[in-house]
PDB file of N, CA and C in Angstrom:
ATOM      1  N   MET A   1       0.580  -1.046  -0.016  1.00  0.00           N
ATOM      2  CA  MET A   1       0.128  -0.051   0.082  1.00  0.00           C
ATOM      3  C   MET A   1       0.901   1.139   0.031  1.00  0.00           C
ATOM      4  N   ASP A   2       0.203   2.293  -0.998  1.00  0.00           N
ATOM      5  CA  ASP A   2       1.283   3.709  -1.074  1.00  0.00           C
ATOM      6  C   ASP A   2       1.280   4.243   0.742  1.00  0.00           C
ATOM      7  N   LYS A   3       2.289   4.457   1.095  1.00  0.00           N
ATOM      8  CA  LYS A   3       2.553   4.835   1.886  1.00  0.00           C
ATOM      9  C   LYS A   3       2.133   6.021   2.290  1.00  0.00           C
ATOM     10  N   SER A   4       1.738   6.886   1.478  1.00  0.00           N
ATOM     11  CA  SER A   4       1.209   8.490   1.588  1.00  0.00           C
ATOM     12  C   SER A   4      -0.159   8.635   1.614  1.00  0.00           C
ATOM     13  N   LEU A   5      -0.763   7.247   1.645  1.00  0.00           N
ATOM     14  CA  LEU A   5      -2.385   7.218   1.875  1.00  0.00           C
ATOM     15  C   LEU A   5      -2.632   5.861   3.575  1.00  0.00           C
ATOM     16  N   THR A   6      -1.469   5.934   3.798  1.00  0.00           N
ATOM     17  CA  THR A   6      -1.960   5.258   5.547  1.00  0.00           C
ATOM     18  C   THR A   6      -2.362   6.669   6.504  1.00  0.00           C
ATOM     19  N   LEU A   7      -3.153   5.941   7.207  1.00  0.00           N
ATOM     20  CA  LEU A   7      -4.019   6.446   8.350  1.00  0.00           C
ATOM     21  C   LEU A   7      -3.483   6.781   9.926  1.00  0.00           C
ATOM     22  N   VAL A   8      -3.409   7.813   9.834  1.00  0.00           N
ATOM     23  CA  VAL A   8      -3.118   8.167  11.462  1.00  0.00           C
ATOM     24  C   VAL A   8      -4.278   7.637  12.286  1.00  0.00           C
ATOM     25  N   PRO A   9      -4.173   6.611  13.131  1.00  0.00           N
ATOM     26  CA  PRO A   9      -5.268   6.802  14.330  1.00  0.00           C
ATOM     27  C   PRO A   9      -6.012   7.679  14.631  1.00  0.00           C
ATOM     28  N   PHE A  10      -7.287   7.810  14.863  1.00  0.00           N
ATOM     29  CA  PHE A  10      -8.126   8.647  14.944  1.00  0.00           C
ATOM     30  C   PHE A  10      -7.759   9.181  16.115  1.00  0.00           C
ATOM     31  N   ARG A  11      -7.937   8.224  17.295  1.00  0.00           N
ATOM     32  CA  ARG A  11      -7.618   8.653  18.618  1.00  0.00           C
ATOM     33  C   ARG A  11      -6.258   9.310  19.012  1.00  0.00           C
ATOM     34  N   THR A  12      -4.836   9.345  17.822  1.00  0.00           N
ATOM     35  CA  THR A  12      -4.263   9.987  18.128  1.00  0.00           C
ATOM     36  C   THR A  12      -4.068  11.782  17.767  1.00  0.00           C
ATOM     37  N   ARG A  13      -5.100  11.834  16.659  1.00  0.00           N
ATOM     38  CA  ARG A  13      -5.177  13.112  16.020  1.00  0.00           C
ATOM     39  C   ARG A  13      -6.259  13.627  17.210  1.00  0.00           C
ATOM     40  N   LEU A  14      -7.417  12.696  17.791  1.00  0.00           N
ATOM     41  CA  LEU A  14      -8.062  13.615  18.666  1.00  0.00           C
ATOM     42  C   LEU A  14      -7.315  14.181  20.082  1.00  0.00           C
ATOM     43  N   LYS A  15      -6.444  12.876  20.032  1.00  0.00           N
ATOM     44  CA  LYS A  15      -5.212  13.724  21.530  1.00  0.00           C
ATOM     45  C   LYS A  15      -4.888  14.977  20.986  1.00  0.00           C
ATOM     46  N   GLU A  16      -3.947  14.701  19.918  1.00  0.00           N
ATOM     47  CA  GLU A  16      -3.084  16.235  19.186  1.00  0.00           C
ATOM     48  C   GLU A  16      -4.010  17.282  19.545  1.00  0.00           C
ATOM     49  N   ALA A  17      -5.203  17.442  18.882  1.00  0.00           N
ATOM     50  CA  ALA A  17      -6.130  18.445  18.954  1.00  0.00           C
ATOM     51  C   ALA A  17      -6.136  18.852  20.492  1.00  0.00           C
ATOM     52  N   MET A  18      -7.221  17.992  20.547  1.00  0.00           N
ATOM     53  CA  MET A  18      -7.280  18.307  22.143  1.00  0.00           C
ATOM     54  C   MET A  18      -6.480  18.893  22.404  1.00  0.00           C
ATOM     55  N   ASP A  19      -5.132  18.347  22.738  1.00  0.00           N
ATOM     56  CA  ASP A  19      -3.691  18.622  23.335  1.00  0.00           C
ATOM     57  C   ASP A  19      -3.204  20.654  22.824  1.00  0.00           C
ATOM     58  N   ASP A  20      -3.609  20.755  21.972  1.00  0.00           N
ATOM     59  CA  ASP A  20      -2.958  22.032  21.099  1.00  0.00           C
ATOM     60  C   ASP A  20      -4.054  23.037  21.406  1.00  0.00           C
ATOM     61  N   LEU A  21      -5.160  22.707  22.088  1.00  0.00           N
ATOM     62  CA  LEU A  21      -6.380  23.718  22.557  1.00  0.00           C
ATOM     63  C   LEU A  21      -6.621  23.595  23.538  1.00  0.00           C
ATOM     64  N   ASN A  22      -5.645  22.506  24.682  1.00  0.00           N
ATOM     65  CA  ASN A  22      -5.932  22.779  26.003  1.00  0.00           C
ATOM     66  C   ASN A  22      -6.907  22.505  26.353  1.00  0.00           C
ATOM     67  N   MET A  23      -7.496  21.148  25.622  1.00  0.00           N
ATOM     68  CA  MET A  23      -9.147  20.814  26.093  1.00  0.00           C
ATOM     69  C   MET A  23      -8.907  19.443  26.779  1.00  0.00           C
ATOM     70  N   LYS A  24     -10.103  19.161  27.644  1.00  0.00           N
ATOM     71  CA  LYS A  24     -10.336  18.030  28.600  1.00  0.00           C
ATOM     72  C   LYS A  24     -11.196  17.405  27.660  1.00  0.00           C
ATOM     73  N   PRO A  25     -11.359  15.782  27.639  1.00  0.00           N
ATOM     74  CA  PRO A  25     -11.731  14.962  26.898  1.00  0.00           C
ATOM     75  C   PRO A  25     -13.628  15.106  26.664  1.00  0.00           C
ATOM     76  N   VAL A  26     -13.672  15.368  28.529  1.00  0.00           N
ATOM     77  CA  VAL A  26     -15.508  16.393  29.097  1.00  0.00           C
ATOM     78  C   VAL A  26     -15.685  17.746  28.345  1.00  0.00           C
ATOM     79  N   ASP A  27     -14.536  18.871  27.973  1.00  0.00           N
ATOM     80  CA  ASP A  27     -15.419  20.120  27.390  1.00  0.00           C
ATOM     81  C   ASP A  27     -15.093  19.907  25.796  1.00  0.00           C
ATOM     82  N   VAL A  28     -14.319  18.726  25.268  1.00  0.00           N
ATOM     83  CA  VAL A  28     -14.712  18.515  23.841  1.00  0.00           C
ATOM     84  C   VAL A  28     -16.020  18.041  23.568  1.00  0.00           C
ATOM     85  N   ALA A  29     -16.386  17.234  24.682  1.00  0.00           N
ATOM     86  CA  ALA A  29     -17.452  15.746  24.684  1.00  0.00           C
ATOM     87  C   ALA A  29     -18.795  17.276  24.914  1.00  0.00           C
ATOM     88  N   HIS A  30     -18.585  17.999  25.811  1.00  0.00           N
ATOM     89  CA  HIS A  30     -19.786  18.808  25.573  1.00  0.00           C
ATOM     90  C   HIS A  30     -19.867  19.749  24.384  1.00  0.00           C
ATOM     91  N   ALA A  31     -18.750  20.227  24.077  1.00  0.00           N
ATOM     92  CA  ALA A  31     -18.647  21.276  22.949  1.00  0.00           C
ATOM     93  C   ALA A  31     -19.063  20.665  21.388  1.00  0.00           C
ATOM     94  N   ALA A  32     -18.608  19.462  21.561  1.00  0.00           N
ATOM     95  CA  ALA A  32     -19.762  18.758  20.275  1.00  0.00           C
ATOM     96  C   ALA A  32     -20.455  17.874  20.194  1.00  0.00           C
ATOM     97  N   GLY A  33     -21.600  17.780  21.053  1.00  0.00           N
ATOM     98  CA  GLY A  33     -22.437  17.247  21.966  1.00  0.00           C
ATOM     99  C   GLY A  33     -22.437  15.891  21.593  1.00  0.00           C
ATOM    100  N   ILE A  34     -21.327  15.391  21.818  1.00  0.00           N
ATOM    101  CA  ILE A  34     -21.217  13.897  22.010  1.00  0.00           C
ATOM    102  C   ILE A  34     -21.730  13.365  23.923  1.00  0.00           C
ATOM    103  N   SER A  35     -21.556  12.224  24.271  1.00  0.00           N
ATOM    104  CA  SER A  35     -22.105  11.483  24.991  1.00  0.00           C
ATOM    105  C   SER A  35     -20.573  11.537  25.586  1.00  0.00           C
ATOM    106  N   LYS A  36     -20.416  11.886  27.321  1.00  0.00           N
ATOM    107  CA  LYS A  36     -18.499  11.330  27.382  1.00  0.00           C
ATOM    108  C   LYS A  36     -18.339   9.835  27.814  1.00  0.00           C
ATOM    109  N   SER A  37     -19.496   8.995  27.831  1.00  0.00           N
ATOM    110  CA  SER A  37     -18.980   7.753  27.568  1.00  0.00           C
ATOM    111  C   SER A  37     -18.308   7.418  26.139  1.00  0.00           C
ATOM    112  N   SER A  38     -19.107   7.758  24.727  1.00  0.00           N
ATOM    113  CA  SER A  38     -18.557   7.842  23.954  1.00  0.00           C
ATOM    114  C   SER A  38     -17.231   8.428  23.324  1.00  0.00           C
ATOM    115  N   MET A  39     -16.422   9.483  24.017  1.00  0.00           N
ATOM    116  CA  MET A  39     -15.475  10.362  23.995  1.00  0.00           C
ATOM    117  C   MET A  39     -14.502   9.023  24.969  1.00  0.00           C
ATOM    118  N   THR A  40     -14.975   8.734  25.761  1.00  0.00           N
ATOM    119  CA  THR A  40     -13.871   7.811  26.431  1.00  0.00           C
ATOM    120  C   THR A  40     -13.738   6.611  25.312  1.00  0.00           C
ATOM    121  N   TYR A  41     -14.759   5.880  24.620  1.00  0.00           N
ATOM    122  CA  TYR A  41     -14.388   4.990  24.347  1.00  0.00           C
ATOM    123  C   TYR A  41     -13.552   5.561  22.468  1.00  0.00           C
ATOM    124  N   TYR A  42     -13.235   6.866  22.044  1.00  0.00           N
ATOM    125  CA  TYR A  42     -12.406   7.520  21.249  1.00  0.00           C
ATOM    126  C   TYR A  42     -11.195   8.081  22.022  1.00  0.00           C
ATOM    127  N   MET A  43     -10.979   8.216  23.275  1.00  0.00           N
ATOM    128  CA  MET A  43      -9.815   8.441  23.772  1.00  0.00           C
ATOM    129  C   MET A  43      -8.864   6.913  23.665  1.00  0.00           C
ATOM    130  N   GLN A  44      -9.754   6.024  23.878  1.00  0.00           N
ATOM    131  CA  GLN A  44      -9.371   4.882  24.659  1.00  0.00           C
ATOM    132  C   GLN A  44      -9.430   3.828  22.969  1.00  0.00           C
ATOM    133  N   GLY A  45      -9.483   4.521  21.583  1.00  0.00           N
ATOM    134  CA  GLY A  45      -9.478   3.383  20.645  1.00  0.00           C
ATOM    135  C   GLY A  45     -10.167   2.267  20.498  1.00  0.00           C
ATOM    136  N   LYS A  46     -11.268   2.254  21.399  1.00  0.00           N
ATOM    137  CA  LYS A  46     -12.007   1.358  21.142  1.00  0.00           C
ATOM    138  C   LYS A  46     -13.239   1.561  20.271  1.00  0.00           C
ATOM    139  N   MET A  47     -13.731   3.106  19.693  1.00  0.00           N
ATOM    140  CA  MET A  47     -14.618   3.426  18.742  1.00  0.00           C
ATOM    141  C   MET A  47     -13.669   4.907  17.639  1.00  0.00           C
ATOM    142  N   VAL A  48     -14.146   4.487  16.631  1.00  0.00           N
ATOM    143  CA  VAL A  48     -13.959   5.754  15.649  1.00  0.00           C
ATOM    144  C   VAL A  48     -15.291   6.298  15.803  1.00  0.00           C
ATOM    145  N   ALA A  49     -15.078   7.882  15.746  1.00  0.00           N
ATOM    146  CA  ALA A  49     -16.558   8.762  15.396  1.00  0.00           C
ATOM    147  C   ALA A  49     -16.753   8.515  13.897  1.00  0.00           C
ATOM    148  N   LYS A  50     -17.673   8.631  13.649  1.00  0.00           N
ATOM    149  CA  LYS A  50     -18.990   8.587  12.184  1.00  0.00           C
ATOM    150  C   LYS A  50     -19.495   9.281  11.912  1.00  0.00           C
ATOM    151  N   GLY A  51     -19.565   9.739  10.375  1.00  0.00           N
ATOM    152  CA  GLY A  51     -21.083  10.857  10.550  1.00  0.00           C
ATOM    153  C   GLY A  51     -20.309  11.899  11.025  1.00  0.00           C
ATOM    154  N   VAL A  52     -21.459  12.393  11.816  1.00  0.00           N
ATOM    155  CA  VAL A  52     -21.776  13.567  11.752  1.00  0.00           C
ATOM    156  C   VAL A  52     -21.187  14.178  12.913  1.00  0.00           C
ATOM    157  N   ASN A  53     -20.666  12.635  13.608  1.00  0.00           N
ATOM    158  CA  ASN A  53     -19.958  13.054  15.019  1.00  0.00           C
ATOM    159  C   ASN A  53     -18.612  13.501  14.828  1.00  0.00           C
ATOM    160  N   ILE A  54     -17.780  12.751  13.281  1.00  0.00           N
ATOM    161  CA  ILE A  54     -16.731  14.050  13.194  1.00  0.00           C
ATOM    162  C   ILE A  54     -16.871  15.267  12.731  1.00  0.00           C
ATOM    163  N   VAL A  55     -18.056  15.490  12.193  1.00  0.00           N
ATOM    164  CA  VAL A  55     -18.310  16.770  12.156  1.00  0.00           C
ATOM    165  C   VAL A  55     -18.169  17.911  13.333  1.00  0.00           C
ATOM    166  N   ASN A  56     -18.775  17.327  13.800  1.00  0.00           N
ATOM    167  CA  ASN A  56     -19.128  17.878  15.618  1.00  0.00           C
ATOM    168  C   ASN A  56     -17.616  18.119  16.223  1.00  0.00           C
ATOM    169  N   LEU A  57     -16.829  16.842  16.160  1.00  0.00           N
ATOM    170  CA  LEU A  57     -15.811  16.751  16.738  1.00  0.00           C
ATOM    171  C   LEU A  57     -14.414  18.022  16.572  1.00  0.00           C
ATOM    172  N   ALA A  58     -14.892  18.105  14.948  1.00  0.00           N
ATOM    173  CA  ALA A  58     -13.661  18.764  14.060  1.00  0.00           C
ATOM    174  C   ALA A  58     -14.149  20.342  14.177  1.00  0.00           C
ATOM    175  N   ARG A  59     -15.352  20.162  14.144  1.00  0.00           N
ATOM    176  CA  ARG A  59     -15.815  22.045  14.782  1.00  0.00           C
ATOM    177  C   ARG A  59     -15.306  22.264  16.299  1.00  0.00           C
ATOM    178  N   ALA A  60     -15.809  21.365  17.075  1.00  0.00           N
ATOM    179  CA  ALA A  60     -15.034  21.841  18.347  1.00  0.00           C
ATOM    180  C   ALA A  60     -13.540  22.101  18.494  1.00  0.00           C
ATOM    181  N   LEU A  61     -12.949  21.173  17.334  1.00  0.00           N
ATOM    182  CA  LEU A  61     -11.750  21.196  17.591  1.00  0.00           C
ATOM    183  C   LEU A  61     -11.081  22.256  17.185  1.00  0.00           C
ATOM    184  N   ASN A  62     -11.544  22.826  15.841  1.00  0.00           N
ATOM    185  CA  ASN A  62     -10.984  23.904  15.044  1.00  0.00           C
ATOM    186  C   ASN A  62     -10.167  23.106  14.363  1.00  0.00           C
ATOM    187  N   VAL A  63     -10.353  21.925  13.319  1.00  0.00           N
ATOM    188  CA  VAL A  63      -9.899  21.104  12.367  1.00  0.00           C
ATOM    189  C   VAL A  63     -10.876  20.258  11.436  1.00  0.00           C
ATOM    190  N   SER A  64      -9.669  20.247  10.149  1.00  0.00           N
ATOM    191  CA  SER A  64     -10.719  19.414   9.677  1.00  0.00           C
ATOM    192  C   SER A  64     -11.087  18.557   9.590  1.00  0.00           C
ATOM    193  N   GLU A  65     -11.800  18.160   9.208  1.00  0.00           N
ATOM    194  CA  GLU A  65     -12.603  16.258   9.270  1.00  0.00           C
ATOM    195  C   GLU A  65     -11.609  15.572   8.621  1.00  0.00           C
ATOM    196  N   GLY A  66     -11.041  15.247   7.431  1.00  0.00           N
ATOM    197  CA  GLY A  66     -10.409  14.866   7.016  1.00  0.00           C
ATOM    198  C   GLY A  66      -9.271  14.693   7.637  1.00  0.00           C
ATOM    199  N   TRP A  67      -8.171  15.634   8.543  1.00  0.00           N
ATOM    200  CA  TRP A  67      -7.210  15.368   9.155  1.00  0.00           C
ATOM    201  C   TRP A  67      -7.369  14.731  10.293  1.00  0.00           C
ATOM    202  N   LEU A  68      -8.630  15.172  11.124  1.00  0.00           N
ATOM    203  CA  LEU A  68      -9.121  14.121  12.085  1.00  0.00           C
ATOM    204  C   LEU A  68      -9.236  12.910  11.872  1.00  0.00           C
ATOM    205  N   MET A  69      -9.528  12.266  10.790  1.00  0.00           N
ATOM    206  CA  MET A  69      -9.929  11.354  10.485  1.00  0.00           C
ATOM    207  C   MET A  69      -8.932  10.737  10.598  1.00  0.00           C
ATOM    208  N   GLY A  70      -7.420  10.851  10.165  1.00  0.00           N
ATOM    209  CA  GLY A  70      -6.578  10.328  10.001  1.00  0.00           C
ATOM    210  C   GLY A  70      -5.818  10.380   8.949  1.00  0.00           C
ATOM    211  N   LEU A  71      -6.279  11.215   7.712  1.00  0.00           N
ATOM    212  CA  LEU A  71      -5.618  11.595   6.295  1.00  0.00           C
ATOM    213  C   LEU A  71      -4.647  12.330   6.148  1.00  0.00           C
ATOM    214  N   ASP A  72      -3.851  12.191   4.924  1.00  0.00           N
ATOM    215  CA  ASP A  72      -2.224  13.222   5.344  1.00  0.00           C
ATOM    216  C   ASP A  72      -3.055  14.271   4.322  1.00  0.00           C
ATOM    217  N   VAL A  73      -3.574  14.893   5.425  1.00  0.00           N
ATOM    218  CA  VAL A  73      -4.214  16.704   4.691  1.00  0.00           C
ATOM    219  C   VAL A  73      -4.190  17.959   5.743  1.00  0.00           C
ATOM    220  N   SER A  74      -4.276  18.984   5.123  1.00  0.00           N
ATOM    221  CA  SER A  74      -4.328  19.936   6.472  1.00  0.00           C
ATOM    222  C   SER A  74      -5.102  19.885   7.222  1.00  0.00           C
ATOM    223  N   LYS A  75      -4.464  20.362   8.531  1.00  0.00           N
ATOM    224  CA  LYS A  75      -4.976  20.363   9.118  1.00  0.00           C
ATOM    225  C   LYS A  75      -5.779  21.446  10.052  1.00  0.00           C
ATOM    226  N   ALA A  76      -5.813  22.947   8.829  1.00  0.00           N
ATOM    227  CA  ALA A  76      -6.628  23.576   9.065  1.00  0.00           C
ATOM    228  C   ALA A  76      -8.149  23.338   8.887  1.00  0.00           C
ATOM    229  N   ARG A  77      -9.299  24.160   9.601  1.00  0.00           N
ATOM    230  CA  ARG A  77     -10.461  23.882   9.394  1.00  0.00           C
ATOM    231  C   ARG A  77     -10.728  24.756   7.925  1.00  0.00           C
ATOM    232  N   VAL A  78     -11.686  24.558   7.539  1.00  0.00           N
ATOM    233  CA  VAL A  78     -12.240  25.541   6.279  1.00  0.00           C
ATOM    234  C   VAL A  78     -13.918  24.668   6.273  1.00  0.00           C
ATOM    235  N   GLU A  79     -14.466  26.209   6.886  1.00  0.00           N
ATOM    236  CA  GLU A  79     -16.165  25.589   6.866  1.00  0.00           C
ATOM    237  C   GLU A  79     -16.657  25.601   5.442  1.00  0.00           C
ATOM    238  N   THR A  80     -17.599  24.611   5.128  1.00  0.00           N
ATOM    239  CA  THR A  80     -18.175  24.433   3.712  1.00  0.00           C
ATOM    240  C   THR A  80     -19.636  24.653   4.202  1.00  0.00           C
ATOM    241  N   LYS A  81     -19.896  25.207   3.238  1.00  0.00           N
ATOM    242  CA  LYS A  81     -21.673  25.273   2.667  1.00  0.00           C
ATOM    243  C   LYS A  81     -22.268  24.532   2.829  1.00  0.00           C
ATOM    244  N   THR A  82     -22.213  22.839   2.364  1.00  0.00           N
ATOM    245  CA  THR A  82     -22.769  21.577   2.848  1.00  0.00           C
ATOM    246  C   THR A  82     -22.055  21.186   4.095  1.00  0.00           C
ATOM    247  N   GLU A  83     -23.671  20.677   5.476  1.00  0.00           N
ATOM    248  CA  GLU A  83     -23.072  19.563   6.299  1.00  0.00           C
ATOM    249  C   GLU A  83     -23.306  18.575   5.723  1.00  0.00           C
ATOM    250  N   LEU A  84     -23.008  17.308   6.339  1.00  0.00           N
ATOM    251  CA  LEU A  84     -23.461  16.250   6.163  1.00  0.00           C
ATOM    252  C   LEU A  84     -25.066  16.054   6.355  1.00  0.00           C
ATOM    253  N   SER A  85     -25.847  17.140   7.354  1.00  0.00           N
ATOM    254  CA  SER A  85     -27.304  16.674   6.926  1.00  0.00           C
ATOM    255  C   SER A  85     -27.770  17.299   5.824  1.00  0.00           C
ATOM    256  N   GLU A  86     -27.323  18.229   5.028  1.00  0.00           N
ATOM    257  CA  GLU A  86     -27.177  18.486   4.574  1.00  0.00           C
ATOM    258  C   GLU A  86     -27.264  18.361   2.850  1.00  0.00           C
ATOM    259  N   MET A  87     -26.105  17.075   2.693  1.00  0.00           N
ATOM    260  CA  MET A  87     -25.849  16.664   1.514  1.00  0.00           C
ATOM    261  C   MET A  87     -26.678  15.727   0.849  1.00  0.00           C
ATOM    262  N   SER A  88     -26.526  15.263  -0.033  1.00  0.00           N
ATOM    263  CA  SER A  88     -27.207  14.295  -0.712  1.00  0.00           C
ATOM    264  C   SER A  88     -27.094  12.928   0.071  1.00  0.00           C
ATOM    265  N   ALA A  89     -28.151  12.191  -0.271  1.00  0.00           N
ATOM    266  CA  ALA A  89     -28.309  10.882   0.402  1.00  0.00           C
ATOM    267  C   ALA A  89     -26.985  10.077   0.351  1.00  0.00           C
ATOM    268  N   SER A  90     -26.197   9.596  -1.051  1.00  0.00           N
ATOM    269  CA  SER A  90     -25.113   9.189  -1.741  1.00  0.00           C
ATOM    270  C   SER A  90     -24.159   9.431  -0.835  1.00  0.00           C
ATOM    271  N   ARG A  91     -23.980  10.912  -1.228  1.00  0.00           N
ATOM    272  CA  ARG A  91     -22.708  11.448  -0.581  1.00  0.00           C
ATOM    273  C   ARG A  91     -22.673  11.444   0.659  1.00  0.00           C
ATOM    274  N   ALA A  92     -23.452  11.872   1.489  1.00  0.00           N
ATOM    275  CA  ALA A  92     -23.508  11.448   3.052  1.00  0.00           C
ATOM    276  C   ALA A  92     -23.050   9.796   3.203  1.00  0.00           C
ATOM    277  N   ALA A  93     -23.946   8.614   1.844  1.00  0.00           N
ATOM    278  CA  ALA A  93     -23.703   7.541   2.864  1.00  0.00           C
ATOM    279  C   ALA A  93     -22.549   6.916   2.321  1.00  0.00           C
ATOM    280  N   LEU A  94     -21.725   8.179   1.689  1.00  0.00           N
ATOM    281  CA  LEU A  94     -20.392   7.769   1.192  1.00  0.00           C
ATOM    282  C   LEU A  94     -19.134   7.850   2.294  1.00  0.00           C
ATOM    283  N   ILE A  95     -19.598   9.014   2.499  1.00  0.00           N
ATOM    284  CA  ILE A  95     -18.700   9.175   3.888  1.00  0.00           C
ATOM    285  C   ILE A  95     -18.917   8.299   4.839  1.00  0.00           C
ATOM    286  N   ASN A  96     -20.009   8.200   5.297  1.00  0.00           N
ATOM    287  CA  ASN A  96     -20.159   7.214   6.422  1.00  0.00           C
ATOM    288  C   ASN A  96     -19.745   5.495   6.024  1.00  0.00           C
ATOM    289  N   LEU A  97     -19.803   5.340   5.208  1.00  0.00           N
ATOM    290  CA  LEU A  97     -18.930   4.010   4.816  1.00  0.00           C
ATOM    291  C   LEU A  97     -17.344   4.374   4.702  1.00  0.00           C
ATOM    292  N   CYS A  98     -16.772   4.988   4.506  1.00  0.00           N
ATOM    293  CA  CYS A  98     -15.301   5.720   4.545  1.00  0.00           C
ATOM    294  C   CYS A  98     -15.016   5.235   6.024  1.00  0.00           C
ATOM    295  N   MET A  99     -16.612   5.871   6.591  1.00  0.00           N
ATOM    296  CA  MET A  99     -15.821   6.070   8.214  1.00  0.00           C
ATOM    297  C   MET A  99     -15.632   4.656   8.843  1.00  0.00           C
ATOM    298  N   GLU A 100     -16.491   3.529   8.265  1.00  0.00           N
ATOM    299  CA  GLU A 100     -16.255   2.020   8.069  1.00  0.00           C
ATOM    300  C   GLU A 100     -15.577   1.250   7.766  1.00  0.00           C
ATOM    301  N   ALA A 101     -15.224   1.712   6.339  1.00  0.00           N
ATOM    302  CA  ALA A 101     -13.705   1.090   6.116  1.00  0.00           C
ATOM    303  C   ALA A 101     -12.541   0.617   6.017  1.00  0.00           C
ATOM    304  N   SER A 102     -12.009  -0.240   5.892  1.00  0.00           N
ATOM    305  CA  SER A 102     -10.462  -0.888   6.229  1.00  0.00           C
ATOM    306  C   SER A 102      -9.513   0.691   6.176  1.00  0.00           C
ATOM    307  N   GLU A 103      -8.053   0.887   6.388  1.00  0.00           N
ATOM    308  CA  GLU A 103      -6.970   1.586   5.786  1.00  0.00           C
ATOM    309  C   GLU A 103      -6.973   0.965   4.027  1.00  0.00           C
ATOM    310  N   GLU A 104      -6.907  -0.116   4.126  1.00  0.00           N
ATOM    311  CA  GLU A 104      -7.024  -0.318   3.009  1.00  0.00           C
ATOM    312  C   GLU A 104      -7.958  -0.029   1.658  1.00  0.00           C
ATOM    313  N   GLU A 105      -9.057  -0.644   2.247  1.00  0.00           N
ATOM    314  CA  GLU A 105     -10.095   0.047   1.622  1.00  0.00           C
ATOM    315  C   GLU A 105     -10.693   1.642   1.095  1.00  0.00           C
ATOM    316  N   VAL A 106     -10.206   2.291   2.208  1.00  0.00           N
ATOM    317  CA  VAL A 106     -10.030   3.863   1.999  1.00  0.00           C
ATOM    318  C   VAL A 106      -8.936   4.356   0.920  1.00  0.00           C
ATOM    319  N   ALA A 107      -8.097   3.937   1.048  1.00  0.00           N
ATOM    320  CA  ALA A 107      -6.941   4.043  -0.088  1.00  0.00           C
ATOM    321  C   ALA A 107      -7.147   3.307  -1.160  1.00  0.00           C
ATOM    322  N   MET A 108      -7.411   2.028  -1.372  1.00  0.00           N
ATOM    323  CA  MET A 108      -8.423   2.292  -3.012  1.00  0.00           C
ATOM    324  C   MET A 108      -9.452   2.586  -3.035  1.00  0.00           C
ATOM    325  N   LEU A 109      -9.829   3.004  -2.622  1.00  0.00           N
ATOM    326  CA  LEU A 109     -11.432   4.674  -3.040  1.00  0.00           C
ATOM    327  C   LEU A 109     -10.773   5.870  -2.901  1.00  0.00           C
ATOM    328  N   TYR A 110      -9.636   6.463  -2.543  1.00  0.00           N
ATOM    329  CA  TYR A 110      -9.511   7.718  -2.804  1.00  0.00           C
ATOM    330  C   TYR A 110      -8.303   7.269  -4.140  1.00  0.00           C
ATOM    331  N   ARG A 111      -7.656   6.212  -4.542  1.00  0.00           N
ATOM    332  CA  ARG A 111      -7.212   6.385  -5.797  1.00  0.00           C
ATOM    333  C   ARG A 111      -8.172   6.319  -7.063  1.00  0.00           C
ATOM    334  N   LEU A 112      -9.108   5.604  -6.506  1.00  0.00           N
ATOM    335  CA  LEU A 112     -10.416   5.428  -7.272  1.00  0.00           C
ATOM    336  C   LEU A 112     -10.524   6.652  -7.580  1.00  0.00           C
ATOM    337  N   VAL A 113     -11.140   7.482  -6.489  1.00  0.00           N
ATOM    338  CA  VAL A 113     -11.869   8.866  -6.924  1.00  0.00           C
ATOM    339  C   VAL A 113     -10.820   9.965  -7.461  1.00  0.00           C
ATOM    340  N   ALA A 114      -9.178   9.820  -7.300  1.00  0.00           N
ATOM    341  CA  ALA A 114      -8.246  10.276  -7.438  1.00  0.00           C
ATOM    342  C   ALA A 114      -8.299  10.409  -9.436  1.00  0.00           C
ATOM    343  N   ALA A 115      -8.449   8.819  -9.472  1.00  0.00           N
ATOM    344  CA  ALA A 115      -7.974   8.553 -10.664  1.00  0.00           C
ATOM    345  C   ALA A 115      -9.392   8.916 -12.068  1.00  0.00           C
ATOM    346  N   ALA A 116     -10.624   9.301 -11.129  1.00  0.00           N
ATOM    347  CA  ALA A 116     -11.171   9.627 -11.479  1.00  0.00           C
ATOM    348  C   ALA A 116     -11.563  11.597 -12.248  1.00  0.00           C
ATOM    349  N   ARG A 117     -10.635  11.738 -11.155  1.00  0.00           N
ATOM    350  CA  ARG A 117     -10.336  13.339 -11.073  1.00  0.00           C
ATOM    351  C   ARG A 117      -9.303  13.377 -11.863  1.00  0.00           C
ATOM    352  N   ASN A 118      -8.361  12.933 -11.966  1.00  0.00           N
ATOM    353  CA  ASN A 118      -7.154  13.140 -13.326  1.00  0.00           C
ATOM    354  C   ASN A 118      -6.383  13.622 -12.173  1.00  0.00           C
ATOM    355  N   VAL A 119      -6.077  13.420 -10.616  1.00  0.00           N
ATOM    356  CA  VAL A 119      -5.150  13.838 -10.228  1.00  0.00           C
ATOM    357  C   VAL A 119      -4.206  12.567  -9.484  1.00  0.00           C
ATOM    358  N   LYS A 120      -2.859  13.243  -9.482  1.00  0.00           N
ATOM    359  CA  LYS A 120      -1.813  12.189  -9.256  1.00  0.00           C
ATOM    360  C   LYS A 120      -1.728  12.167  -7.997  1.00  0.00           C
ATOM    361  N   VAL A 121      -1.663  11.076  -7.781  1.00  0.00           N
ATOM    362  CA  VAL A 121      -1.195  10.092  -6.524  1.00  0.00           C
ATOM    363  C   VAL A 121      -0.490   9.511  -5.579  1.00  0.00           C
TER     364      VAL A 121
END
């Protein structure tokens, strides 16, 4: 697998973003509107945030969703006009599917989309 497509574990990025803002898990959970138990599972690496929780966590931590998910993309947050709840059903389903995919599946999907857009990987 291409090393440039290797994902950083979600919990690693979550902790880094929290450390950058000197935030505690309970503060992030409150700001993101998620339960403390979910936040504990995220921090322990027992669960990975999906869908709207990724969006809410990224907003609370002021980082990009892609970076928080472990992709090799800019950490800087850029607000988009379209939120997950406002996306087409197929786009939202694809995002949720990617959140459940293995690293290899994400890499394959990335290469497929990049090829369709004529982007060098």
